[in-house]
N, C-alpha and C. Protein backbone atom coordinates (compact mmCIF):
# COMPACT_ATOMS: atom_id res chain seq x y z
N MET A 1 31.24 -104.55 -66.04
CA MET A 1 30.91 -104.05 -64.73
C MET A 1 31.72 -102.81 -64.42
N ARG A 2 31.05 -101.84 -63.89
CA ARG A 2 31.74 -100.63 -63.50
C ARG A 2 32.07 -100.66 -62.01
N ALA A 3 33.18 -100.01 -61.69
CA ALA A 3 33.56 -99.93 -60.28
C ALA A 3 32.59 -99.01 -59.56
N PRO A 4 32.26 -99.31 -58.34
CA PRO A 4 31.32 -98.46 -57.60
C PRO A 4 31.96 -97.11 -57.29
N ILE A 5 31.14 -96.08 -57.32
CA ILE A 5 31.60 -94.73 -56.99
C ILE A 5 31.58 -94.58 -55.49
N ILE A 6 32.70 -94.15 -54.95
CA ILE A 6 32.79 -93.97 -53.49
C ILE A 6 32.29 -92.58 -53.16
N ARG A 7 31.28 -92.53 -52.34
CA ARG A 7 30.74 -91.24 -51.89
C ARG A 7 30.86 -91.20 -50.38
N SER A 8 31.80 -90.41 -49.95
CA SER A 8 32.05 -90.32 -48.52
C SER A 8 32.17 -88.86 -48.14
N PRO A 9 31.63 -88.46 -46.99
CA PRO A 9 31.79 -87.07 -46.56
C PRO A 9 33.24 -86.74 -46.20
N HIS A 10 34.07 -87.76 -46.05
CA HIS A 10 35.47 -87.55 -45.69
C HIS A 10 36.39 -87.43 -46.89
N LEU A 11 35.86 -87.71 -48.09
CA LEU A 11 36.69 -87.68 -49.29
C LEU A 11 37.30 -86.30 -49.56
N PRO A 12 36.55 -85.18 -49.46
CA PRO A 12 37.18 -83.87 -49.68
C PRO A 12 38.29 -83.57 -48.66
N LEU A 13 38.07 -83.96 -47.42
CA LEU A 13 39.09 -83.76 -46.38
C LEU A 13 40.34 -84.57 -46.68
N LEU A 14 40.15 -85.81 -47.11
CA LEU A 14 41.28 -86.66 -47.46
C LEU A 14 42.04 -86.09 -48.65
N ALA A 15 41.32 -85.61 -49.65
CA ALA A 15 41.97 -85.01 -50.83
C ALA A 15 42.77 -83.78 -50.43
N PHE A 16 42.22 -82.95 -49.55
CA PHE A 16 42.93 -81.76 -49.08
C PHE A 16 44.19 -82.15 -48.31
N ALA A 17 44.10 -83.15 -47.47
CA ALA A 17 45.26 -83.59 -46.69
C ALA A 17 46.37 -84.11 -47.59
N VAL A 18 46.01 -84.88 -48.60
CA VAL A 18 47.02 -85.42 -49.53
C VAL A 18 47.66 -84.28 -50.30
N ALA A 19 46.86 -83.34 -50.79
CA ALA A 19 47.40 -82.20 -51.54
C ALA A 19 48.32 -81.36 -50.66
N SER A 20 47.97 -81.17 -49.40
CA SER A 20 48.81 -80.38 -48.47
C SER A 20 50.16 -81.04 -48.24
N LEU A 21 50.18 -82.35 -48.19
CA LEU A 21 51.44 -83.06 -47.98
C LEU A 21 52.36 -82.99 -49.20
N LEU A 22 51.79 -82.80 -50.37
CA LEU A 22 52.59 -82.74 -51.60
C LEU A 22 53.19 -81.37 -51.85
N LEU A 23 52.70 -80.34 -51.18
CA LEU A 23 53.24 -78.99 -51.36
C LEU A 23 54.57 -78.86 -50.62
N PRO A 24 55.53 -78.14 -51.21
CA PRO A 24 56.80 -77.95 -50.52
C PRO A 24 56.63 -77.04 -49.30
N ALA A 25 57.39 -77.33 -48.28
CA ALA A 25 57.37 -76.50 -47.08
C ALA A 25 58.19 -75.24 -47.32
N PRO A 26 57.74 -74.11 -46.79
CA PRO A 26 58.52 -72.88 -46.97
C PRO A 26 59.85 -72.98 -46.23
N ALA A 27 60.89 -72.48 -46.86
CA ALA A 27 62.22 -72.51 -46.24
C ALA A 27 62.38 -71.31 -45.32
N SER A 28 62.90 -71.56 -44.15
CA SER A 28 63.17 -70.45 -43.25
C SER A 28 64.58 -69.92 -43.55
N ALA A 29 64.75 -68.64 -43.37
CA ALA A 29 66.03 -68.02 -43.67
C ALA A 29 66.42 -67.07 -42.55
N THR A 30 67.71 -66.95 -42.34
CA THR A 30 68.25 -66.00 -41.37
C THR A 30 68.45 -64.67 -42.08
N ALA A 31 67.88 -63.61 -41.53
CA ALA A 31 67.99 -62.28 -42.14
C ALA A 31 69.37 -61.69 -41.85
N ARG A 32 69.99 -61.17 -42.87
CA ARG A 32 71.30 -60.52 -42.75
C ARG A 32 71.28 -59.23 -43.57
N SER A 33 72.10 -58.26 -43.19
CA SER A 33 72.22 -57.03 -43.96
C SER A 33 73.68 -56.75 -44.24
N CYS A 34 73.91 -56.02 -45.32
CA CYS A 34 75.27 -55.74 -45.79
C CYS A 34 75.65 -54.28 -45.52
N GLY A 35 76.94 -54.06 -45.46
CA GLY A 35 77.49 -52.72 -45.35
C GLY A 35 78.32 -52.40 -46.58
N ASP A 36 79.22 -51.43 -46.44
CA ASP A 36 80.05 -51.01 -47.57
C ASP A 36 81.33 -51.83 -47.72
N ASP A 37 81.70 -52.58 -46.70
CA ASP A 37 82.96 -53.33 -46.70
C ASP A 37 82.73 -54.77 -47.15
N ALA A 38 83.25 -55.14 -48.33
CA ALA A 38 83.03 -56.48 -48.90
C ALA A 38 83.63 -57.58 -48.03
N ILE A 39 84.77 -57.32 -47.39
CA ILE A 39 85.39 -58.33 -46.52
C ILE A 39 84.54 -58.54 -45.27
N ALA A 40 84.06 -57.47 -44.69
CA ALA A 40 83.19 -57.57 -43.51
C ALA A 40 81.88 -58.26 -43.87
N ASN A 41 81.34 -57.99 -45.06
CA ASN A 41 80.11 -58.65 -45.50
C ASN A 41 80.30 -60.16 -45.60
N THR A 42 81.45 -60.58 -46.09
CA THR A 42 81.73 -62.01 -46.19
C THR A 42 81.69 -62.65 -44.80
N ALA A 43 82.29 -61.99 -43.84
CA ALA A 43 82.32 -62.53 -42.47
C ALA A 43 80.96 -62.47 -41.80
N SER A 44 80.23 -61.36 -41.95
CA SER A 44 78.98 -61.18 -41.20
C SER A 44 77.75 -61.75 -41.90
N VAL A 45 77.82 -61.97 -43.22
CA VAL A 45 76.66 -62.50 -43.94
C VAL A 45 76.86 -63.96 -44.32
N LEU A 46 77.98 -64.30 -44.90
CA LEU A 46 78.20 -65.67 -45.39
C LEU A 46 78.76 -66.61 -44.32
N CYS A 47 79.65 -66.11 -43.47
CA CYS A 47 80.36 -66.99 -42.53
C CYS A 47 79.77 -67.03 -41.13
N ALA A 48 78.92 -66.08 -40.77
CA ALA A 48 78.40 -66.01 -39.40
C ALA A 48 77.43 -67.16 -39.13
N PRO A 49 77.46 -67.72 -37.91
CA PRO A 49 76.53 -68.79 -37.56
C PRO A 49 75.08 -68.35 -37.76
N PRO A 50 74.21 -69.20 -38.22
CA PRO A 50 74.31 -70.65 -38.33
C PRO A 50 74.96 -71.12 -39.63
N SER A 51 75.47 -70.21 -40.43
CA SER A 51 76.15 -70.61 -41.66
C SER A 51 77.59 -70.95 -41.35
N GLY A 52 78.39 -71.13 -42.41
CA GLY A 52 79.79 -71.46 -42.21
C GLY A 52 79.98 -72.95 -42.04
N PRO A 53 81.11 -73.39 -41.61
CA PRO A 53 82.25 -72.60 -41.17
C PRO A 53 83.09 -72.12 -42.35
N CYS A 54 83.78 -71.03 -42.15
CA CYS A 54 84.70 -70.51 -43.15
C CYS A 54 86.12 -70.74 -42.66
N SER A 55 87.01 -70.96 -43.60
CA SER A 55 88.41 -71.22 -43.26
C SER A 55 89.30 -70.37 -44.14
N ALA A 56 90.60 -70.59 -44.05
CA ALA A 56 91.56 -69.85 -44.86
C ALA A 56 91.47 -70.24 -46.33
N THR A 57 90.84 -71.38 -46.63
CA THR A 57 90.77 -71.84 -48.03
C THR A 57 89.37 -71.87 -48.61
N ALA A 58 88.32 -71.78 -47.76
CA ALA A 58 86.96 -71.90 -48.27
C ALA A 58 85.97 -71.06 -47.47
N VAL A 59 85.00 -70.50 -48.19
CA VAL A 59 83.85 -69.83 -47.58
C VAL A 59 82.68 -70.77 -47.80
N THR A 60 82.09 -71.24 -46.70
CA THR A 60 81.01 -72.22 -46.78
C THR A 60 79.70 -71.57 -46.37
N LEU A 61 78.73 -71.62 -47.25
CA LEU A 61 77.39 -71.12 -46.95
C LEU A 61 76.52 -72.35 -46.71
N SER A 62 76.20 -72.62 -45.44
CA SER A 62 75.51 -73.86 -45.10
C SER A 62 74.13 -73.64 -44.50
N ALA A 63 73.62 -72.41 -44.56
CA ALA A 63 72.28 -72.12 -44.05
C ALA A 63 71.58 -71.18 -45.02
N ASN A 64 70.26 -71.19 -44.97
CA ASN A 64 69.49 -70.26 -45.80
C ASN A 64 69.62 -68.86 -45.21
N ILE A 65 69.95 -67.90 -46.07
CA ILE A 65 70.04 -66.51 -45.62
C ILE A 65 69.18 -65.65 -46.52
N GLU A 66 68.70 -64.55 -45.97
CA GLU A 66 67.97 -63.54 -46.72
C GLU A 66 68.67 -62.21 -46.50
N VAL A 67 69.19 -61.63 -47.56
CA VAL A 67 69.88 -60.35 -47.45
C VAL A 67 68.82 -59.26 -47.54
N THR A 68 68.69 -58.48 -46.47
CA THR A 68 67.62 -57.50 -46.37
C THR A 68 68.04 -56.10 -46.79
N SER A 69 69.29 -55.90 -47.16
CA SER A 69 69.76 -54.58 -47.57
C SER A 69 69.12 -54.19 -48.89
N SER A 70 68.80 -52.91 -49.02
CA SER A 70 68.19 -52.45 -50.27
C SER A 70 69.24 -52.18 -51.34
N ASP A 71 70.47 -51.95 -50.94
CA ASP A 71 71.56 -51.71 -51.89
C ASP A 71 72.19 -53.03 -52.31
N ASN A 72 73.12 -52.95 -53.23
CA ASN A 72 73.88 -54.14 -53.64
C ASN A 72 74.71 -54.64 -52.48
N CYS A 73 74.94 -55.92 -52.44
CA CYS A 73 75.73 -56.53 -51.39
C CYS A 73 76.95 -57.18 -52.03
N TYR A 74 78.12 -56.67 -51.71
CA TYR A 74 79.36 -57.18 -52.32
C TYR A 74 80.13 -58.01 -51.30
N PHE A 75 80.79 -59.06 -51.81
CA PHE A 75 81.57 -59.96 -50.97
C PHE A 75 82.97 -60.07 -51.54
N ASP A 76 83.95 -60.28 -50.65
CA ASP A 76 85.33 -60.52 -51.05
C ASP A 76 85.75 -61.84 -50.42
N LEU A 77 85.90 -62.85 -51.25
CA LEU A 77 86.26 -64.18 -50.74
C LEU A 77 87.75 -64.30 -50.47
N GLY A 78 88.54 -63.33 -50.89
CA GLY A 78 89.97 -63.35 -50.63
C GLY A 78 90.67 -64.54 -51.26
N GLY A 79 90.24 -64.94 -52.45
CA GLY A 79 90.88 -66.06 -53.14
C GLY A 79 90.41 -67.43 -52.67
N ARG A 80 89.48 -67.46 -51.70
CA ARG A 80 88.97 -68.74 -51.20
C ARG A 80 87.88 -69.27 -52.12
N SER A 81 87.65 -70.56 -52.07
CA SER A 81 86.57 -71.16 -52.84
C SER A 81 85.26 -70.94 -52.11
N LEU A 82 84.16 -70.92 -52.87
CA LEU A 82 82.83 -70.78 -52.29
C LEU A 82 82.13 -72.14 -52.37
N MET A 83 81.69 -72.60 -51.22
CA MET A 83 80.98 -73.89 -51.14
C MET A 83 79.56 -73.62 -50.65
N LEU A 84 78.57 -74.12 -51.40
CA LEU A 84 77.17 -73.99 -51.01
C LEU A 84 76.65 -75.35 -50.59
N LYS A 85 76.09 -75.43 -49.40
CA LYS A 85 75.58 -76.71 -48.90
C LYS A 85 74.09 -76.61 -48.70
């Protein structure tokens, strides 16, 4: 015996809904730009809210960021560790 074929007008809609739920959601990012000063870039790009917090011993990047500068972006951690969350 063969299983009956389900023919429903809602089947394509259901398949689309299931496929949509399986796709990853796009990540939102905070736009930041860099200047010529590597120490200032660390403070304004990596440590500025909603990222951070940064301390005397660690630079913590805890938010998605998008660097919009067209040039290279240099950072100076000042001997601190870099933590990515």
